[in-house]
């Protein structure tokens, strides 16, 4: 569902990714500061 127009439409995954990239292309972006794999994240021992 498109939030701007309120209409529902079927998209392929690639079209969906391209739509998100187009809507956020001028916005600031920073990567997450955590490792992608849980096993690589810091261990907090208490």
PDB file of N, CA and C in Angstrom:
ATOM      1  N   UNK A   1       0.847  -1.173   0.000  1.00  0.00           N
ATOM      2  CA  UNK A   1       0.000   0.000   0.000  1.00  0.00           C
ATOM      3  C   UNK A   1       0.885   1.226   0.000  1.00  0.00           C
ATOM      4  N   UNK A   2       0.566   2.158  -0.866  1.00  0.00           N
ATOM      5  CA  UNK A   2       1.309   3.407  -0.971  1.00  0.00           C
ATOM      6  C   UNK A   2       0.740   4.392   0.043  1.00  0.00           C
ATOM      7  N   UNK A   3       1.575   4.884   0.934  1.00  0.00           N
ATOM      8  CA  UNK A   3       1.085   5.786   1.984  1.00  0.00           C
ATOM      9  C   UNK A   3       0.680   7.150   1.436  1.00  0.00           C
ATOM     10  N   UNK A   4       1.331   7.588   0.371  1.00  0.00           N
ATOM     11  CA  UNK A   4       0.997   8.908  -0.185  1.00  0.00           C
ATOM     12  C   UNK A   4      -0.368   8.906  -0.856  1.00  0.00           C
ATOM     13  N   UNK A   5      -0.610   7.910  -1.701  1.00  0.00           N
ATOM     14  CA  UNK A   5      -1.860   7.884  -2.454  1.00  0.00           C
ATOM     15  C   UNK A   5      -2.919   7.004  -1.817  1.00  0.00           C
ATOM     16  N   UNK A   6      -2.510   6.057  -0.956  1.00  0.00           N
ATOM     17  CA  UNK A   6      -3.457   5.169  -0.308  1.00  0.00           C
ATOM     18  C   UNK A   6      -3.869   3.989  -1.162  1.00  0.00           C
ATOM     19  N   UNK A   7      -3.306   3.856  -2.352  1.00  0.00           N
ATOM     20  CA  UNK A   7      -3.691   2.750  -3.226  1.00  0.00           C
ATOM     21  C   UNK A   7      -2.810   1.530  -2.974  1.00  0.00           C
ATOM     22  N   UNK A   8      -3.388   0.365  -3.166  1.00  0.00           N
ATOM     23  CA  UNK A   8      -2.643  -0.881  -3.025  1.00  0.00           C
ATOM     24  C   UNK A   8      -2.198  -1.340  -4.403  1.00  0.00           C
ATOM     25  N   UNK A   9      -0.945  -1.829  -4.484  1.00  0.00           N
ATOM     26  CA  UNK A   9      -0.455  -2.331  -5.762  1.00  0.00           C
ATOM     27  C   UNK A   9       0.542  -3.452  -5.515  1.00  0.00           C
ATOM     28  N   UNK A  10       0.627  -4.358  -6.473  1.00  0.00           N
ATOM     29  CA  UNK A  10       1.552  -5.482  -6.404  1.00  0.00           C
ATOM     30  C   UNK A  10       2.878  -5.062  -7.023  1.00  0.00           C
ATOM     31  N   UNK A  11       3.976  -5.336  -6.309  1.00  0.00           N
ATOM     32  CA  UNK A  11       5.313  -5.020  -6.802  1.00  0.00           C
ATOM     33  C   UNK A  11       6.201  -6.244  -6.662  1.00  0.00           C
ATOM     34  N   UNK A  12       7.121  -6.394  -7.605  1.00  0.00           N
ATOM     35  CA  UNK A  12       8.141  -7.422  -7.427  1.00  0.00           C
ATOM     36  C   UNK A  12       9.128  -6.915  -6.383  1.00  0.00           C
ATOM     37  N   UNK A  13       9.955  -7.806  -5.881  1.00  0.00           N
ATOM     38  CA  UNK A  13      10.912  -7.410  -4.848  1.00  0.00           C
ATOM     39  C   UNK A  13      11.862  -6.342  -5.376  1.00  0.00           C
ATOM     40  N   UNK A  14      12.349  -6.504  -6.612  1.00  0.00           N
ATOM     41  CA  UNK A  14      13.277  -5.530  -7.192  1.00  0.00           C
ATOM     42  C   UNK A  14      12.622  -4.165  -7.352  1.00  0.00           C
ATOM     43  N   UNK A  15      11.364  -4.145  -7.783  1.00  0.00           N
ATOM     44  CA  UNK A  15      10.645  -2.880  -7.906  1.00  0.00           C
ATOM     45  C   UNK A  15      10.446  -2.230  -6.540  1.00  0.00           C
ATOM     46  N   UNK A  16      10.181  -3.050  -5.537  1.00  0.00           N
ATOM     47  CA  UNK A  16      10.005  -2.544  -4.177  1.00  0.00           C
ATOM     48  C   UNK A  16      11.292  -1.899  -3.671  1.00  0.00           C
ATOM     49  N   UNK A  17      12.429  -2.566  -3.873  1.00  0.00           N
ATOM     50  CA  UNK A  17      13.720  -2.030  -3.436  1.00  0.00           C
ATOM     51  C   UNK A  17      14.019  -0.731  -4.169  1.00  0.00           C
ATOM     52  N   UNK A  18      13.773  -0.688  -5.466  1.00  0.00           N
ATOM     53  CA  UNK A  18      14.011   0.536  -6.241  1.00  0.00           C
ATOM     54  C   UNK A  18      13.112   1.672  -5.773  1.00  0.00           C
ATOM     55  N   UNK A  19      11.881   1.368  -5.432  1.00  0.00           N
ATOM     56  CA  UNK A  19      10.952   2.391  -4.937  1.00  0.00           C
ATOM     57  C   UNK A  19      11.449   2.982  -3.622  1.00  0.00           C
ATOM     58  N   UNK A  20      11.913   2.129  -2.717  1.00  0.00           N
ATOM     59  CA  UNK A  20      12.443   2.601  -1.434  1.00  0.00           C
ATOM     60  C   UNK A  20      13.684   3.453  -1.662  1.00  0.00           C
ATOM     61  N   UNK A  21      14.574   3.019  -2.545  1.00  0.00           N
ATOM     62  CA  UNK A  21      15.792   3.787  -2.831  1.00  0.00           C
ATOM     63  C   UNK A  21      15.457   5.149  -3.424  1.00  0.00           C
ATOM     64  N   UNK A  22      14.472   5.200  -4.313  1.00  0.00           N
ATOM     65  CA  UNK A  22      14.076   6.473  -4.912  1.00  0.00           C
ATOM     66  C   UNK A  22      13.484   7.425  -3.876  1.00  0.00           C
ATOM     67  N   UNK A  23      12.712   6.893  -2.935  1.00  0.00           N
ATOM     68  CA  UNK A  23      12.081   7.743  -1.930  1.00  0.00           C
ATOM     69  C   UNK A  23      13.072   8.238  -0.884  1.00  0.00           C
ATOM     70  N   UNK A  24      14.184   7.537  -0.693  1.00  0.00           N
ATOM     71  CA  UNK A  24      15.138   7.904   0.355  1.00  0.00           C
ATOM     72  C   UNK A  24      16.475   8.374  -0.198  1.00  0.00           C
ATOM     73  N   UNK A  25      16.568   8.662  -1.497  1.00  0.00           N
ATOM     74  CA  UNK A  25      17.866   8.986  -2.096  1.00  0.00           C
ATOM     75  C   UNK A  25      18.458  10.300  -1.591  1.00  0.00           C
ATOM     76  N   UNK A  26      17.658  11.265  -1.195  1.00  0.00           N
ATOM     77  CA  UNK A  26      18.185  12.550  -0.726  1.00  0.00           C
ATOM     78  C   UNK A  26      18.244  12.640   0.797  1.00  0.00           C
ATOM     79  N   UNK A  27      17.942  11.558   1.467  1.00  0.00           N
ATOM     80  CA  UNK A  27      17.950  11.539   2.929  1.00  0.00           C
ATOM     81  C   UNK A  27      19.315  11.078   3.441  1.00  0.00           C
ATOM     82  N   UNK A  28      19.727  11.553   4.614  1.00  0.00           N
ATOM     83  CA  UNK A  28      21.000  11.089   5.180  1.00  0.00           C
ATOM     84  C   UNK A  28      20.894   9.620   5.585  1.00  0.00           C
ATOM     85  N   UNK A  29      21.998   8.903   5.455  1.00  0.00           N
ATOM     86  CA  UNK A  29      22.017   7.475   5.760  1.00  0.00           C
ATOM     87  C   UNK A  29      23.313   7.120   6.459  1.00  0.00           C
ATOM     88  N   UNK A  30      23.213   6.438   7.573  1.00  0.00           N
ATOM     89  CA  UNK A  30      24.395   5.896   8.239  1.00  0.00           C
ATOM     90  C   UNK A  30      24.144   4.418   8.494  1.00  0.00           C
ATOM     91  N   UNK A  31      25.198   3.638   8.387  1.00  0.00           N
ATOM     92  CA  UNK A  31      25.076   2.208   8.622  1.00  0.00           C
ATOM     93  C   UNK A  31      24.966   1.949  10.115  1.00  0.00           C
ATOM     94  N   UNK A  32      24.440   0.779  10.452  1.00  0.00           N
ATOM     95  CA  UNK A  32      24.339   0.398  11.854  1.00  0.00           C
ATOM     96  C   UNK A  32      25.727   0.185  12.423  1.00  0.00           C
ATOM     97  N   UNK A  33      25.914   0.529  13.681  1.00  0.00           N
ATOM     98  CA  UNK A  33      27.229   0.386  14.286  1.00  0.00           C
ATOM     99  C   UNK A  33      27.440  -0.992  14.901  1.00  0.00           C
ATOM    100  N   UNK A  34      26.487  -1.898  14.739  1.00  0.00           N
ATOM    101  CA  UNK A  34      26.629  -3.265  15.229  1.00  0.00           C
ATOM    102  C   UNK A  34      26.980  -4.190  14.070  1.00  0.00           C
ATOM    103  N   UNK A  35      27.696  -5.256  14.387  1.00  0.00           N
ATOM    104  CA  UNK A  35      28.010  -6.250  13.373  1.00  0.00           C
ATOM    105  C   UNK A  35      26.727  -6.933  12.913  1.00  0.00           C
ATOM    106  N   UNK A  36      26.707  -7.348  11.671  1.00  0.00           N
ATOM    107  CA  UNK A  36      25.514  -7.985  11.128  1.00  0.00           C
ATOM    108  C   UNK A  36      25.252  -9.336  11.795  1.00  0.00           C
ATOM    109  N   UNK A  37      26.319 -10.088  12.033  1.00  0.00           N
ATOM    110  CA  UNK A  37      26.181 -11.390  12.675  1.00  0.00           C
ATOM    111  C   UNK A  37      26.171 -11.226  14.192  1.00  0.00           C
ATOM    112  N   UNK A  38      25.251 -11.897  14.847  1.00  0.00           N
ATOM    113  CA  UNK A  38      25.142 -11.804  16.301  1.00  0.00           C
ATOM    114  C   UNK A  38      26.412 -12.327  16.957  1.00  0.00           C
ATOM    115  N   UNK A  39      27.032 -13.350  16.375  1.00  0.00           N
ATOM    116  CA  UNK A  39      28.240 -13.932  16.965  1.00  0.00           C
ATOM    117  C   UNK A  39      29.421 -12.967  16.927  1.00  0.00           C
ATOM    118  N   UNK A  40      29.376 -11.961  16.074  1.00  0.00           N
ATOM    119  CA  UNK A  40      30.463 -10.987  15.960  1.00  0.00           C
ATOM    120  C   UNK A  40      30.241  -9.749  16.822  1.00  0.00           C
ATOM    121  N   UNK A  41      29.082  -9.640  17.450  1.00  0.00           N
ATOM    122  CA  UNK A  41      28.773  -8.475  18.282  1.00  0.00           C
ATOM    123  C   UNK A  41      29.493  -8.568  19.619  1.00  0.00           C
ATOM    124  N   UNK A  42      29.742  -7.438  20.257  1.00  0.00           N
ATOM    125  CA  UNK A  42      30.449  -7.465  21.543  1.00  0.00           C
ATOM    126  C   UNK A  42      29.666  -8.227  22.606  1.00  0.00           C
ATOM    127  N   UNK A  43      30.387  -8.952  23.421  1.00  0.00           N
ATOM    128  CA  UNK A  43      29.786  -9.706  24.521  1.00  0.00           C
ATOM    129  C   UNK A  43      29.861  -8.862  25.789  1.00  0.00           C
ATOM    130  N   UNK A  44      28.740  -8.668  26.455  1.00  0.00           N
ATOM    131  CA  UNK A  44      28.717  -7.894  27.694  1.00  0.00           C
ATOM    132  C   UNK A  44      28.617  -8.878  28.850  1.00  0.00           C
ATOM    133  N   UNK A  45      29.679  -8.973  29.616  1.00  0.00           N
ATOM    134  CA  UNK A  45      29.716  -9.886  30.758  1.00  0.00           C
ATOM    135  C   UNK A  45      29.510  -9.080  32.038  1.00  0.00           C
ATOM    136  N   UNK A  46      28.503  -9.447  32.807  1.00  0.00           N
ATOM    137  CA  UNK A  46      28.208  -8.728  34.045  1.00  0.00           C
ATOM    138  C   UNK A  46      28.517  -9.612  35.226  1.00  0.00           C
TER     139      UNK A  46
END
